[in-house]
PDB file of N, CA and C in Angstrom:
ATOM      1  N   MET A   1     -19.838   2.158  -6.530  1.00  0.00           N
ATOM      2  CA  MET A   1     -20.785   3.033  -7.085  1.00  0.00           C
ATOM      3  C   MET A   1     -21.101   3.983  -5.755  1.00  0.00           C
ATOM      4  N   PRO A   2     -20.787   5.107  -5.783  1.00  0.00           N
ATOM      5  CA  PRO A   2     -20.577   6.296  -4.750  1.00  0.00           C
ATOM      6  C   PRO A   2     -22.361   6.332  -3.991  1.00  0.00           C
ATOM      7  N   LEU A   3     -22.256   6.083  -2.970  1.00  0.00           N
ATOM      8  CA  LEU A   3     -23.682   6.531  -2.163  1.00  0.00           C
ATOM      9  C   LEU A   3     -23.946   8.350  -2.380  1.00  0.00           C
ATOM     10  N   ASP A   4     -24.269   8.786  -3.463  1.00  0.00           N
ATOM     11  CA  ASP A   4     -24.001  10.318  -3.321  1.00  0.00           C
ATOM     12  C   ASP A   4     -25.607  10.765  -3.794  1.00  0.00           C
ATOM     13  N   ASN A   5     -25.954  11.751  -2.831  1.00  0.00           N
ATOM     14  CA  ASN A   5     -27.222  12.650  -3.460  1.00  0.00           C
ATOM     15  C   ASN A   5     -26.719  13.897  -3.912  1.00  0.00           C
ATOM     16  N   THR A   6     -26.194  13.755  -5.259  1.00  0.00           N
ATOM     17  CA  THR A   6     -25.993  15.528  -5.845  1.00  0.00           C
ATOM     18  C   THR A   6     -26.934  16.019  -6.086  1.00  0.00           C
ATOM     19  N   ALA A   7     -28.382  15.961  -5.858  1.00  0.00           N
ATOM     20  CA  ALA A   7     -29.488  16.982  -5.815  1.00  0.00           C
ATOM     21  C   ALA A   7     -29.174  18.126  -4.737  1.00  0.00           C
ATOM     22  N   ARG A   8     -28.665  17.420  -3.699  1.00  0.00           N
ATOM     23  CA  ARG A   8     -28.591  18.922  -2.575  1.00  0.00           C
ATOM     24  C   ARG A   8     -27.256  18.529  -2.136  1.00  0.00           C
ATOM     25  N   PRO A   9     -26.699  19.797  -1.561  1.00  0.00           N
ATOM     26  CA  PRO A   9     -25.438  19.681  -0.764  1.00  0.00           C
ATOM     27  C   PRO A   9     -25.380  18.798   0.561  1.00  0.00           C
ATOM     28  N   ALA A  10     -24.364  17.938   0.855  1.00  0.00           N
ATOM     29  CA  ALA A  10     -24.509  17.159   2.201  1.00  0.00           C
ATOM     30  C   ALA A  10     -24.580  18.028   3.147  1.00  0.00           C
ATOM     31  N   THR A  11     -25.465  17.659   4.380  1.00  0.00           N
ATOM     32  CA  THR A  11     -25.126  18.297   5.402  1.00  0.00           C
ATOM     33  C   THR A  11     -23.927  17.861   6.148  1.00  0.00           C
ATOM     34  N   LYS A  12     -23.302  18.520   7.122  1.00  0.00           N
ATOM     35  CA  LYS A  12     -22.164  17.800   7.799  1.00  0.00           C
ATOM     36  C   LYS A  12     -22.634  16.512   8.381  1.00  0.00           C
ATOM     37  N   PRO A  13     -23.838  16.300   9.218  1.00  0.00           N
ATOM     38  CA  PRO A  13     -23.873  14.941   9.835  1.00  0.00           C
ATOM     39  C   PRO A  13     -24.286  14.044   8.686  1.00  0.00           C
ATOM     40  N   ASP A  14     -24.469  14.435   7.468  1.00  0.00           N
ATOM     41  CA  ASP A  14     -24.704  13.587   6.277  1.00  0.00           C
ATOM     42  C   ASP A  14     -23.529  12.931   5.731  1.00  0.00           C
ATOM     43  N   ALA A  15     -22.580  14.124   5.799  1.00  0.00           N
ATOM     44  CA  ALA A  15     -21.153  13.654   5.115  1.00  0.00           C
ATOM     45  C   ALA A  15     -20.060  13.070   6.082  1.00  0.00           C
ATOM     46  N   ALA A  16     -20.405  13.149   7.506  1.00  0.00           N
ATOM     47  CA  ALA A  16     -19.599  12.477   8.542  1.00  0.00           C
ATOM     48  C   ALA A  16     -20.239  11.056   8.475  1.00  0.00           C
ATOM     49  N   LEU A  17     -21.433  10.990   8.517  1.00  0.00           N
ATOM     50  CA  LEU A  17     -22.139   9.667   8.508  1.00  0.00           C
ATOM     51  C   LEU A  17     -21.667   8.638   7.279  1.00  0.00           C
ATOM     52  N   ARG A  18     -21.764   9.481   6.213  1.00  0.00           N
ATOM     53  CA  ARG A  18     -21.370   8.640   5.075  1.00  0.00           C
ATOM     54  C   ARG A  18     -19.567   8.513   4.956  1.00  0.00           C
ATOM     55  N   TYR A  19     -18.901   9.332   5.885  1.00  0.00           N
ATOM     56  CA  TYR A  19     -17.547   8.987   5.852  1.00  0.00           C
ATOM     57  C   TYR A  19     -17.266   7.722   6.755  1.00  0.00           C
ATOM     58  N   HIS A  20     -18.165   7.786   7.821  1.00  0.00           N
ATOM     59  CA  HIS A  20     -17.963   6.569   8.694  1.00  0.00           C
ATOM     60  C   HIS A  20     -18.255   5.358   8.400  1.00  0.00           C
ATOM     61  N   ALA A  21     -19.426   5.419   7.313  1.00  0.00           N
ATOM     62  CA  ALA A  21     -19.747   4.385   6.579  1.00  0.00           C
ATOM     63  C   ALA A  21     -18.936   3.732   5.690  1.00  0.00           C
ATOM     64  N   ALA A  22     -18.120   4.566   5.047  1.00  0.00           N
ATOM     65  CA  ALA A  22     -17.280   4.100   3.801  1.00  0.00           C
ATOM     66  C   ALA A  22     -16.049   3.533   4.701  1.00  0.00           C
ATOM     67  N   ARG A  23     -15.592   4.230   5.619  1.00  0.00           N
ATOM     68  CA  ARG A  23     -14.409   3.369   6.680  1.00  0.00           C
ATOM     69  C   ARG A  23     -14.637   2.039   6.927  1.00  0.00           C
ATOM     70  N   GLU A  24     -16.012   1.886   7.345  1.00  0.00           N
ATOM     71  CA  GLU A  24     -16.402   0.594   7.869  1.00  0.00           C
ATOM     72  C   GLU A  24     -16.508  -0.339   6.716  1.00  0.00           C
ATOM     73  N   LEU A  25     -17.170   0.077   5.593  1.00  0.00           N
ATOM     74  CA  LEU A  25     -17.098  -0.712   4.596  1.00  0.00           C
ATOM     75  C   LEU A  25     -15.779  -1.302   4.084  1.00  0.00           C
ATOM     76  N   ALA A  26     -14.870  -0.252   3.915  1.00  0.00           N
ATOM     77  CA  ALA A  26     -13.571  -0.486   3.489  1.00  0.00           C
ATOM     78  C   ALA A  26     -12.827  -1.487   4.510  1.00  0.00           C
ATOM     79  N   SER A  27     -12.947  -1.020   5.678  1.00  0.00           N
ATOM     80  CA  SER A  27     -12.191  -2.123   6.624  1.00  0.00           C
ATOM     81  C   SER A  27     -12.757  -3.611   6.489  1.00  0.00           C
ATOM     82  N   ALA A  28     -14.015  -3.670   6.512  1.00  0.00           N
ATOM     83  CA  ALA A  28     -14.802  -5.119   6.481  1.00  0.00           C
ATOM     84  C   ALA A  28     -14.338  -5.496   5.071  1.00  0.00           C
ATOM     85  N   ALA A  29     -14.267  -5.041   3.743  1.00  0.00           N
ATOM     86  CA  ALA A  29     -13.783  -5.056   2.712  1.00  0.00           C
ATOM     87  C   ALA A  29     -12.331  -5.724   2.717  1.00  0.00           C
ATOM     88  N   GLU A  30     -11.323  -5.089   3.502  1.00  0.00           N
ATOM     89  CA  GLU A  30     -10.099  -5.545   3.419  1.00  0.00           C
ATOM     90  C   GLU A  30     -10.170  -6.789   4.422  1.00  0.00           C
ATOM     91  N   LYS A  31     -10.602  -6.825   5.515  1.00  0.00           N
ATOM     92  CA  LYS A  31     -10.453  -7.869   6.188  1.00  0.00           C
ATOM     93  C   LYS A  31     -11.042  -9.199   5.387  1.00  0.00           C
ATOM     94  N   GLU A  32     -12.096  -9.226   4.536  1.00  0.00           N
ATOM     95  CA  GLU A  32     -12.849 -10.415   3.639  1.00  0.00           C
ATOM     96  C   GLU A  32     -11.568 -10.773   2.614  1.00  0.00           C
ATOM     97  N   LYS A  33     -10.953  -9.641   2.123  1.00  0.00           N
ATOM     98  CA  LYS A  33      -9.962  -9.672   1.121  1.00  0.00           C
ATOM     99  C   LYS A  33      -8.913 -10.702   1.861  1.00  0.00           C
ATOM    100  N   GLU A  34      -8.432 -10.224   3.006  1.00  0.00           N
ATOM    101  CA  GLU A  34      -7.403 -11.212   3.416  1.00  0.00           C
ATOM    102  C   GLU A  34      -7.722 -12.568   3.764  1.00  0.00           C
ATOM    103  N   ALA A  35      -9.023 -12.889   4.372  1.00  0.00           N
ATOM    104  CA  ALA A  35      -9.543 -13.986   4.600  1.00  0.00           C
ATOM    105  C   ALA A  35      -9.825 -14.740   3.392  1.00  0.00           C
ATOM    106  N   ALA A  36     -10.013 -14.321   2.152  1.00  0.00           N
ATOM    107  CA  ALA A  36     -10.162 -14.755   0.917  1.00  0.00           C
ATOM    108  C   ALA A  36      -9.058 -15.303   0.176  1.00  0.00           C
ATOM    109  N   THR A  37      -8.082 -14.516   0.584  1.00  0.00           N
ATOM    110  CA  THR A  37      -6.773 -14.916  -0.121  1.00  0.00           C
ATOM    111  C   THR A  37      -6.081 -15.869   0.529  1.00  0.00           C
ATOM    112  N   LYS A  38      -6.190 -16.059   1.967  1.00  0.00           N
ATOM    113  CA  LYS A  38      -5.555 -17.333   2.640  1.00  0.00           C
ATOM    114  C   LYS A  38      -6.623 -18.471   2.430  1.00  0.00           C
ATOM    115  N   ALA A  39      -7.836 -18.255   1.988  1.00  0.00           N
ATOM    116  CA  ALA A  39      -8.545 -19.650   1.760  1.00  0.00           C
ATOM    117  C   ALA A  39      -8.186 -20.059   0.364  1.00  0.00           C
ATOM    118  N   ALA A  40      -8.012 -19.044  -0.719  1.00  0.00           N
ATOM    119  CA  ALA A  40      -7.588 -19.314  -1.925  1.00  0.00           C
ATOM    120  C   ALA A  40      -6.292 -20.000  -2.235  1.00  0.00           C
ATOM    121  N   VAL A  41      -5.566 -19.384  -1.262  1.00  0.00           N
ATOM    122  CA  VAL A  41      -4.045 -20.174  -1.044  1.00  0.00           C
ATOM    123  C   VAL A  41      -4.048 -21.415  -0.728  1.00  0.00           C
ATOM    124  N   LYS A  42      -4.780 -21.788   0.506  1.00  0.00           N
ATOM    125  CA  LYS A  42      -5.061 -23.074   1.243  1.00  0.00           C
ATOM    126  C   LYS A  42      -5.519 -24.040   0.025  1.00  0.00           C
ATOM    127  N   SER A  43      -6.823 -23.544  -0.621  1.00  0.00           N
ATOM    128  CA  SER A  43      -7.120 -24.551  -1.705  1.00  0.00           C
ATOM    129  C   SER A  43      -6.420 -24.651  -3.009  1.00  0.00           C
ATOM    130  N   GLY A  44      -5.575 -24.201  -3.156  1.00  0.00           N
ATOM    131  CA  GLY A  44      -4.798 -23.996  -4.477  1.00  0.00           C
ATOM    132  C   GLY A  44      -5.173 -23.205  -5.701  1.00  0.00           C
ATOM    133  N   VAL A  45      -5.867 -22.456  -5.158  1.00  0.00           N
ATOM    134  CA  VAL A  45      -6.432 -21.329  -6.309  1.00  0.00           C
ATOM    135  C   VAL A  45      -5.502 -20.438  -6.505  1.00  0.00           C
ATOM    136  N   LEU A  46      -4.716 -19.716  -5.484  1.00  0.00           N
ATOM    137  CA  LEU A  46      -3.732 -18.927  -5.416  1.00  0.00           C
ATOM    138  C   LEU A  46      -2.545 -19.472  -4.989  1.00  0.00           C
ATOM    139  N   PHE A  47      -1.485 -19.281  -5.231  1.00  0.00           N
ATOM    140  CA  PHE A  47      -0.187 -19.772  -4.547  1.00  0.00           C
ATOM    141  C   PHE A  47       0.415 -18.587  -3.665  1.00  0.00           C
ATOM    142  N   ASP A  48       1.261 -19.058  -2.745  1.00  0.00           N
ATOM    143  CA  ASP A  48       1.815 -18.280  -1.731  1.00  0.00           C
ATOM    144  C   ASP A  48       3.026 -17.447  -2.576  1.00  0.00           C
ATOM    145  N   HIS A  49       2.974 -16.029  -2.822  1.00  0.00           N
ATOM    146  CA  HIS A  49       3.627 -15.570  -3.514  1.00  0.00           C
ATOM    147  C   HIS A  49       4.864 -14.973  -2.706  1.00  0.00           C
ATOM    148  N   ARG A  50       4.701 -14.974  -1.737  1.00  0.00           N
ATOM    149  CA  ARG A  50       5.832 -14.750  -0.672  1.00  0.00           C
ATOM    150  C   ARG A  50       7.122 -15.815  -0.574  1.00  0.00           C
ATOM    151  N   ALA A  51       6.168 -17.244  -0.341  1.00  0.00           N
ATOM    152  CA  ALA A  51       7.030 -18.182  -0.504  1.00  0.00           C
ATOM    153  C   ALA A  51       7.800 -18.509  -1.549  1.00  0.00           C
ATOM    154  N   GLU A  52       7.018 -18.593  -2.647  1.00  0.00           N
ATOM    155  CA  GLU A  52       7.406 -18.987  -3.925  1.00  0.00           C
ATOM    156  C   GLU A  52       7.100 -17.904  -5.098  1.00  0.00           C
ATOM    157  N   PRO A  53       8.156 -16.582  -5.108  1.00  0.00           N
ATOM    158  CA  PRO A  53       7.754 -15.618  -5.982  1.00  0.00           C
ATOM    159  C   PRO A  53       8.052 -15.833  -7.430  1.00  0.00           C
ATOM    160  N   GLU A  54       7.214 -15.425  -8.190  1.00  0.00           N
ATOM    161  CA  GLU A  54       7.481 -15.516  -9.794  1.00  0.00           C
ATOM    162  C   GLU A  54       8.704 -14.562 -10.179  1.00  0.00           C
ATOM    163  N   PRO A  55       9.175 -14.829 -11.327  1.00  0.00           N
ATOM    164  CA  PRO A  55       9.854 -13.782 -11.944  1.00  0.00           C
ATOM    165  C   PRO A  55       9.398 -12.492 -12.421  1.00  0.00           C
ATOM    166  N   PRO A  56      10.173 -11.242 -12.196  1.00  0.00           N
ATOM    167  CA  PRO A  56       9.236 -10.259 -12.802  1.00  0.00           C
ATOM    168  C   PRO A  56       9.145 -10.191 -14.433  1.00  0.00           C
ATOM    169  N   GLY A  57       8.053  -9.750 -15.008  1.00  0.00           N
ATOM    170  CA  GLY A  57       7.760  -9.942 -16.308  1.00  0.00           C
ATOM    171  C   GLY A  57       6.681 -10.993 -16.658  1.00  0.00           C
ATOM    172  N   THR A  58       6.247 -11.901 -15.736  1.00  0.00           N
ATOM    173  CA  THR A  58       5.448 -13.088 -15.589  1.00  0.00           C
ATOM    174  C   THR A  58       4.201 -12.498 -16.016  1.00  0.00           C
ATOM    175  N   THR A  59       3.415 -13.035 -16.567  1.00  0.00           N
ATOM    176  CA  THR A  59       1.886 -12.826 -17.113  1.00  0.00           C
ATOM    177  C   THR A  59       1.383 -14.161 -17.430  1.00  0.00           C
ATOM    178  N   ARG A  60       0.487 -14.612 -16.482  1.00  0.00           N
ATOM    179  CA  ARG A  60      -0.239 -15.944 -16.837  1.00  0.00           C
ATOM    180  C   ARG A  60      -1.553 -16.018 -16.173  1.00  0.00           C
ATOM    181  N   GLN A  61      -2.224 -16.834 -16.846  1.00  0.00           N
ATOM    182  CA  GLN A  61      -3.519 -17.245 -16.019  1.00  0.00           C
ATOM    183  C   GLN A  61      -3.092 -18.480 -15.023  1.00  0.00           C
ATOM    184  N   ILE A  62      -3.539 -18.120 -13.891  1.00  0.00           N
ATOM    185  CA  ILE A  62      -3.021 -19.056 -12.637  1.00  0.00           C
ATOM    186  C   ILE A  62      -4.577 -19.916 -12.472  1.00  0.00           C
ATOM    187  N   TYR A  63      -5.716 -19.556 -12.803  1.00  0.00           N
ATOM    188  CA  TYR A  63      -7.128 -20.150 -12.552  1.00  0.00           C
ATOM    189  C   TYR A  63      -8.264 -19.946 -13.414  1.00  0.00           C
ATOM    190  N   ASP A  64      -8.968 -20.774 -13.710  1.00  0.00           N
ATOM    191  CA  ASP A  64     -10.137 -20.429 -14.743  1.00  0.00           C
ATOM    192  C   ASP A  64     -11.148 -21.862 -14.361  1.00  0.00           C
ATOM    193  N   ASP A  65     -12.146 -21.603 -14.099  1.00  0.00           N
ATOM    194  CA  ASP A  65     -13.260 -22.476 -14.002  1.00  0.00           C
ATOM    195  C   ASP A  65     -14.598 -22.213 -14.611  1.00  0.00           C
ATOM    196  N   GLY A  66     -14.279 -21.452 -15.692  1.00  0.00           N
ATOM    197  CA  GLY A  66     -15.602 -21.074 -16.280  1.00  0.00           C
ATOM    198  C   GLY A  66     -16.429 -19.939 -16.100  1.00  0.00           C
ATOM    199  N   VAL A  67     -16.229 -19.588 -14.590  1.00  0.00           N
ATOM    200  CA  VAL A  67     -16.931 -18.720 -13.969  1.00  0.00           C
ATOM    201  C   VAL A  67     -15.853 -17.440 -13.467  1.00  0.00           C
ATOM    202  N   VAL A  68     -15.003 -17.869 -12.986  1.00  0.00           N
ATOM    203  CA  VAL A  68     -13.812 -17.151 -12.508  1.00  0.00           C
ATOM    204  C   VAL A  68     -12.431 -17.181 -13.067  1.00  0.00           C
ATOM    205  N   ARG A  69     -11.914 -16.174 -13.674  1.00  0.00           N
ATOM    206  CA  ARG A  69     -10.483 -16.416 -14.172  1.00  0.00           C
ATOM    207  C   ARG A  69      -9.748 -15.373 -13.368  1.00  0.00           C
ATOM    208  N   ILE A  70      -8.450 -16.111 -13.076  1.00  0.00           N
ATOM    209  CA  ILE A  70      -7.553 -15.290 -12.115  1.00  0.00           C
ATOM    210  C   ILE A  70      -6.487 -15.281 -12.601  1.00  0.00           C
ATOM    211  N   MET A  71      -6.022 -13.977 -13.207  1.00  0.00           N
ATOM    212  CA  MET A  71      -4.603 -13.701 -13.982  1.00  0.00           C
ATOM    213  C   MET A  71      -3.453 -13.333 -12.854  1.00  0.00           C
ATOM    214  N   LEU A  72      -1.980 -13.671 -13.314  1.00  0.00           N
ATOM    215  CA  LEU A  72      -1.090 -13.091 -12.546  1.00  0.00           C
ATOM    216  C   LEU A  72      -0.300 -12.097 -13.164  1.00  0.00           C
ATOM    217  N   ARG A  73       0.244 -10.923 -12.947  1.00  0.00           N
ATOM    218  CA  ARG A  73       1.034 -10.101 -13.511  1.00  0.00           C
ATOM    219  C   ARG A  73       2.240  -9.723 -12.653  1.00  0.00           C
ATOM    220  N   VAL A  74       3.384  -9.924 -12.756  1.00  0.00           N
ATOM    221  CA  VAL A  74       4.417  -9.416 -11.802  1.00  0.00           C
ATOM    222  C   VAL A  74       5.462  -8.384 -12.568  1.00  0.00           C
ATOM    223  N   VAL A  75       5.431  -7.490 -11.654  1.00  0.00           N
ATOM    224  CA  VAL A  75       5.873  -6.320 -12.087  1.00  0.00           C
ATOM    225  C   VAL A  75       7.418  -5.886 -11.496  1.00  0.00           C
ATOM    226  N   GLU A  76       8.127  -5.142 -12.155  1.00  0.00           N
ATOM    227  CA  GLU A  76       9.572  -5.103 -11.798  1.00  0.00           C
ATOM    228  C   GLU A  76       9.429  -4.833 -10.449  1.00  0.00           C
ATOM    229  N   PRO A  77      10.324  -5.099  -9.655  1.00  0.00           N
ATOM    230  CA  PRO A  77      10.536  -4.484  -7.742  1.00  0.00           C
ATOM    231  C   PRO A  77      11.204  -3.121  -8.150  1.00  0.00           C
ATOM    232  N   ILE A  78      10.568  -2.254  -7.348  1.00  0.00           N
ATOM    233  CA  ILE A  78      11.094  -0.795  -7.258  1.00  0.00           C
ATOM    234  C   ILE A  78      12.565  -0.970  -6.331  1.00  0.00           C
ATOM    235  N   GLU A  79      13.435  -0.206  -6.654  1.00  0.00           N
ATOM    236  CA  GLU A  79      14.688  -0.119  -6.078  1.00  0.00           C
ATOM    237  C   GLU A  79      14.399   1.111  -5.123  1.00  0.00           C
ATOM    238  N   LYS A  80      15.061   1.034  -3.855  1.00  0.00           N
ATOM    239  CA  LYS A  80      14.934   2.205  -2.716  1.00  0.00           C
ATOM    240  C   LYS A  80      16.225   2.185  -2.384  1.00  0.00           C
ATOM    241  N   LEU A  81      16.849   3.516  -2.256  1.00  0.00           N
ATOM    242  CA  LEU A  81      18.154   3.745  -1.520  1.00  0.00           C
ATOM    243  C   LEU A  81      17.860   3.877  -0.136  1.00  0.00           C
ATOM    244  N   ASP A  82      18.668   2.985   0.758  1.00  0.00           N
ATOM    245  CA  ASP A  82      18.654   2.995   2.125  1.00  0.00           C
ATOM    246  C   ASP A  82      19.497   4.203   2.567  1.00  0.00           C
ATOM    247  N   GLY A  83      18.823   5.427   2.848  1.00  0.00           N
ATOM    248  CA  GLY A  83      19.592   6.661   3.230  1.00  0.00           C
ATOM    249  C   GLY A  83      20.546   6.421   4.185  1.00  0.00           C
ATOM    250  N   GLU A  84      19.942   5.666   5.200  1.00  0.00           N
ATOM    251  CA  GLU A  84      21.000   5.562   6.667  1.00  0.00           C
ATOM    252  C   GLU A  84      22.177   4.752   6.316  1.00  0.00           C
ATOM    253  N   ALA A  85      21.963   3.737   5.687  1.00  0.00           N
ATOM    254  CA  ALA A  85      23.068   2.793   5.277  1.00  0.00           C
ATOM    255  C   ALA A  85      24.045   3.645   4.254  1.00  0.00           C
ATOM    256  N   PHE A  86      23.577   4.285   3.373  1.00  0.00           N
ATOM    257  CA  PHE A  86      24.674   5.103   2.210  1.00  0.00           C
ATOM    258  C   PHE A  86      25.136   6.046   3.113  1.00  0.00           C
ATOM    259  N   SER A  87      24.652   6.883   3.894  1.00  0.00           N
ATOM    260  CA  SER A  87      25.501   7.964   4.798  1.00  0.00           C
ATOM    261  C   SER A  87      26.402   7.331   5.530  1.00  0.00           C
ATOM    262  N   ALA A  88      25.967   6.375   6.343  1.00  0.00           N
ATOM    263  CA  ALA A  88      27.058   5.597   6.893  1.00  0.00           C
ATOM    264  C   ALA A  88      28.199   5.113   6.418  1.00  0.00           C
ATOM    265  N   ALA A  89      28.041   4.466   5.050  1.00  0.00           N
ATOM    266  CA  ALA A  89      29.017   3.920   4.122  1.00  0.00           C
ATOM    267  C   ALA A  89      29.903   5.158   3.572  1.00  0.00           C
ATOM    268  N   LEU A  90      29.160   6.122   3.278  1.00  0.00           N
ATOM    269  CA  LEU A  90      29.932   7.317   2.627  1.00  0.00           C
ATOM    270  C   LEU A  90      30.857   7.848   3.593  1.00  0.00           C
ATOM    271  N   LEU A  91      30.351   8.016   4.982  1.00  0.00           N
ATOM    272  CA  LEU A  91      30.970   8.620   5.880  1.00  0.00           C
ATOM    273  C   LEU A  91      32.263   7.804   6.400  1.00  0.00           C
ATOM    274  N   ALA A  92      31.911   6.492   6.502  1.00  0.00           N
ATOM    275  CA  ALA A  92      33.424   5.525   6.472  1.00  0.00           C
ATOM    276  C   ALA A  92      34.165   5.730   5.557  1.00  0.00           C
ATOM    277  N   ALA A  93      33.794   5.719   4.363  1.00  0.00           N
ATOM    278  CA  ALA A  93      34.655   5.406   3.275  1.00  0.00           C
ATOM    279  C   ALA A  93      35.527   7.064   3.123  1.00  0.00           C
ATOM    280  N   LEU A  94      35.054   8.067   3.389  1.00  0.00           N
ATOM    281  CA  LEU A  94      35.474   9.161   3.140  1.00  0.00           C
ATOM    282  C   LEU A  94      35.478  10.136   4.484  1.00  0.00           C
ATOM    283  N   PRO A  95      35.932   9.606   5.851  1.00  0.00           N
ATOM    284  CA  PRO A  95      35.833  10.275   6.719  1.00  0.00           C
ATOM    285  C   PRO A  95      36.406  11.855   6.820  1.00  0.00           C
ATOM    286  N   LYS A  96      37.255  12.373   5.787  1.00  0.00           N
ATOM    287  CA  LYS A  96      37.990  13.810   5.873  1.00  0.00           C
ATOM    288  C   LYS A  96      36.864  14.457   5.068  1.00  0.00           C
ATOM    289  N   GLN A  97      35.798  13.875   4.563  1.00  0.00           N
ATOM    290  CA  GLN A  97      35.055  14.679   3.799  1.00  0.00           C
ATOM    291  C   GLN A  97      33.654  14.857   4.647  1.00  0.00           C
ATOM    292  N   ALA A  98      33.514  14.470   5.619  1.00  0.00           N
ATOM    293  CA  ALA A  98      32.412  14.209   6.647  1.00  0.00           C
ATOM    294  C   ALA A  98      31.540  15.640   6.621  1.00  0.00           C
ATOM    295  N   ALA A  99      32.235  16.792   6.659  1.00  0.00           N
ATOM    296  CA  ALA A  99      31.427  17.944   6.599  1.00  0.00           C
ATOM    297  C   ALA A  99      30.585  18.122   5.529  1.00  0.00           C
ATOM    298  N   VAL A 100      31.560  17.884   4.218  1.00  0.00           N
ATOM    299  CA  VAL A 100      31.009  18.218   2.745  1.00  0.00           C
ATOM    300  C   VAL A 100      29.726  17.008   2.641  1.00  0.00           C
ATOM    301  N   ILE A 101      30.262  16.148   3.057  1.00  0.00           N
ATOM    302  CA  ILE A 101      29.005  14.692   3.000  1.00  0.00           C
ATOM    303  C   ILE A 101      27.705  15.307   3.781  1.00  0.00           C
ATOM    304  N   LYS A 102      27.781  15.562   4.966  1.00  0.00           N
ATOM    305  CA  LYS A 102      26.606  15.848   5.776  1.00  0.00           C
ATOM    306  C   LYS A 102      26.133  17.024   5.105  1.00  0.00           C
ATOM    307  N   ARG A 103      26.603  18.017   4.990  1.00  0.00           N
ATOM    308  CA  ARG A 103      26.192  19.201   4.062  1.00  0.00           C
ATOM    309  C   ARG A 103      25.095  18.789   2.894  1.00  0.00           C
ATOM    310  N   LEU A 104      25.803  18.192   2.245  1.00  0.00           N
ATOM    311  CA  LEU A 104      25.153  17.498   0.831  1.00  0.00           C
ATOM    312  C   LEU A 104      23.962  16.684   1.059  1.00  0.00           C
ATOM    313  N   LEU A 105      23.902  15.831   1.939  1.00  0.00           N
ATOM    314  CA  LEU A 105      23.048  15.101   2.409  1.00  0.00           C
ATOM    315  C   LEU A 105      21.935  15.941   3.012  1.00  0.00           C
ATOM    316  N   ALA A 106      21.907  17.036   3.951  1.00  0.00           N
ATOM    317  CA  ALA A 106      21.139  17.804   4.315  1.00  0.00           C
ATOM    318  C   ALA A 106      20.394  18.732   3.104  1.00  0.00           C
ATOM    319  N   LYS A 107      21.144  18.836   2.108  1.00  0.00           N
ATOM    320  CA  LYS A 107      20.709  19.809   0.854  1.00  0.00           C
ATOM    321  C   LYS A 107      19.859  18.608   0.227  1.00  0.00           C
ATOM    322  N   ALA A 108      20.048  17.443   0.079  1.00  0.00           N
ATOM    323  CA  ALA A 108      19.278  16.777  -0.639  1.00  0.00           C
ATOM    324  C   ALA A 108      18.087  15.746  -0.015  1.00  0.00           C
ATOM    325  N   THR A 109      17.833  16.111   1.209  1.00  0.00           N
ATOM    326  CA  THR A 109      16.916  15.475   2.322  1.00  0.00           C
ATOM    327  C   THR A 109      15.847  16.342   2.250  1.00  0.00           C
ATOM    328  N   VAL A 110      14.647  16.162   1.618  1.00  0.00           N
ATOM    329  CA  VAL A 110      13.259  16.597   1.728  1.00  0.00           C
ATOM    330  C   VAL A 110      12.500  15.806   2.643  1.00  0.00           C
ATOM    331  N   LYS A 111      11.778  16.965   3.168  1.00  0.00           N
ATOM    332  CA  LYS A 111      10.654  16.395   4.284  1.00  0.00           C
ATOM    333  C   LYS A 111       9.307  16.139   3.797  1.00  0.00           C
ATOM    334  N   LEU A 112       8.637  15.101   3.974  1.00  0.00           N
ATOM    335  CA  LEU A 112       7.614  14.703   3.333  1.00  0.00           C
ATOM    336  C   LEU A 112       6.215  15.420   4.222  1.00  0.00           C
ATOM    337  N   PRO A 113       5.054  15.453   3.787  1.00  0.00           N
ATOM    338  CA  PRO A 113       4.201  16.067   4.639  1.00  0.00           C
ATOM    339  C   PRO A 113       4.007  15.003   5.571  1.00  0.00           C
ATOM    340  N   PRO A 114       3.249  15.408   6.844  1.00  0.00           N
ATOM    341  CA  PRO A 114       3.074  14.506   7.927  1.00  0.00           C
ATOM    342  C   PRO A 114       1.952  13.542   7.317  1.00  0.00           C
ATOM    343  N   ALA A 115       1.979  12.361   7.945  1.00  0.00           N
ATOM    344  CA  ALA A 115       0.605  11.471   7.460  1.00  0.00           C
ATOM    345  C   ALA A 115      -0.587  12.025   8.685  1.00  0.00           C
ATOM    346  N   HIS A 116      -1.664  12.136   7.844  1.00  0.00           N
ATOM    347  CA  HIS A 116      -3.006  12.509   8.672  1.00  0.00           C
ATOM    348  C   HIS A 116      -3.764  11.044   8.691  1.00  0.00           C
ATOM    349  N   THR A 117      -4.133  10.644   9.768  1.00  0.00           N
ATOM    350  CA  THR A 117      -5.126   9.358   9.867  1.00  0.00           C
ATOM    351  C   THR A 117      -6.536   9.933  10.558  1.00  0.00           C
ATOM    352  N   PHE A 118      -7.515   9.666  10.023  1.00  0.00           N
ATOM    353  CA  PHE A 118      -8.769  10.189  10.468  1.00  0.00           C
ATOM    354  C   PHE A 118      -9.134   8.795  10.942  1.00  0.00           C
ATOM    355  N   THR A 119     -10.227   8.926  12.214  1.00  0.00           N
ATOM    356  CA  THR A 119     -10.973   7.863  12.644  1.00  0.00           C
ATOM    357  C   THR A 119     -12.139   8.271  12.687  1.00  0.00           C
ATOM    358  N   SER A 120     -13.215   7.485  12.803  1.00  0.00           N
ATOM    359  CA  SER A 120     -14.451   7.628  13.009  1.00  0.00           C
ATOM    360  C   SER A 120     -15.223   6.590  14.046  1.00  0.00           C
ATOM    361  N   SER A 121     -16.121   7.050  14.676  1.00  0.00           N
ATOM    362  CA  SER A 121     -16.982   6.079  15.594  1.00  0.00           C
ATOM    363  C   SER A 121     -18.459   6.497  15.705  1.00  0.00           C
ATOM    364  N   LEU A 122     -19.476   5.896  15.965  1.00  0.00           N
ATOM    365  CA  LEU A 122     -20.773   6.375  16.136  1.00  0.00           C
ATOM    366  C   LEU A 122     -20.662   6.426  17.684  1.00  0.00           C
ATOM    367  N   VAL A 123     -21.302   7.843  17.884  1.00  0.00           N
ATOM    368  CA  VAL A 123     -21.550   8.093  19.594  1.00  0.00           C
ATOM    369  C   VAL A 123     -22.984   7.932  20.079  1.00  0.00           C
ATOM    370  N   GLY A 124     -23.796   7.745  18.944  1.00  0.00           N
ATOM    371  CA  GLY A 124     -25.106   7.954  19.611  1.00  0.00           C
ATOM    372  C   GLY A 124     -25.797   6.557  20.174  1.00  0.00           C
TER     373      GLY A 124
END
C-alpha cells in the first residue's frame, strides 16, 4: 500500500523522504527474503533449486502446513545468444568475409539506454 497523500501535491522534501524510505524498506525486505529463503532451505521447507533444479514445466505444491502453502512453477529457460562468441566463431569460419560480417554485426547491434542508479541517504 503506497504511502501517498493525494489530497495535496508532494513537496520536494516530502517526495525525497518518501523515496529514501521506500529504498530502505525495499533493501531491508530483500535482505529478509534472502535470509528467510536460506532458513527455509535449511529447514527443508524449500529445496536448493540451484543444486537440484526441477525440469521446466513443473508445477507442484512443495509445502503446506494448513497456514502457509508454497507452490513451485518452473518456466522454460530463456535462450540468449552470446554475441561475442558468435562473432568470433563466424569470423573464424569465414575469414574471407570478415568485412561483410563486421558490417552486418555493426548494423544489427543496438545500444541500450545507460543504466541509472539513484542512491539516497539522510543528511540531517
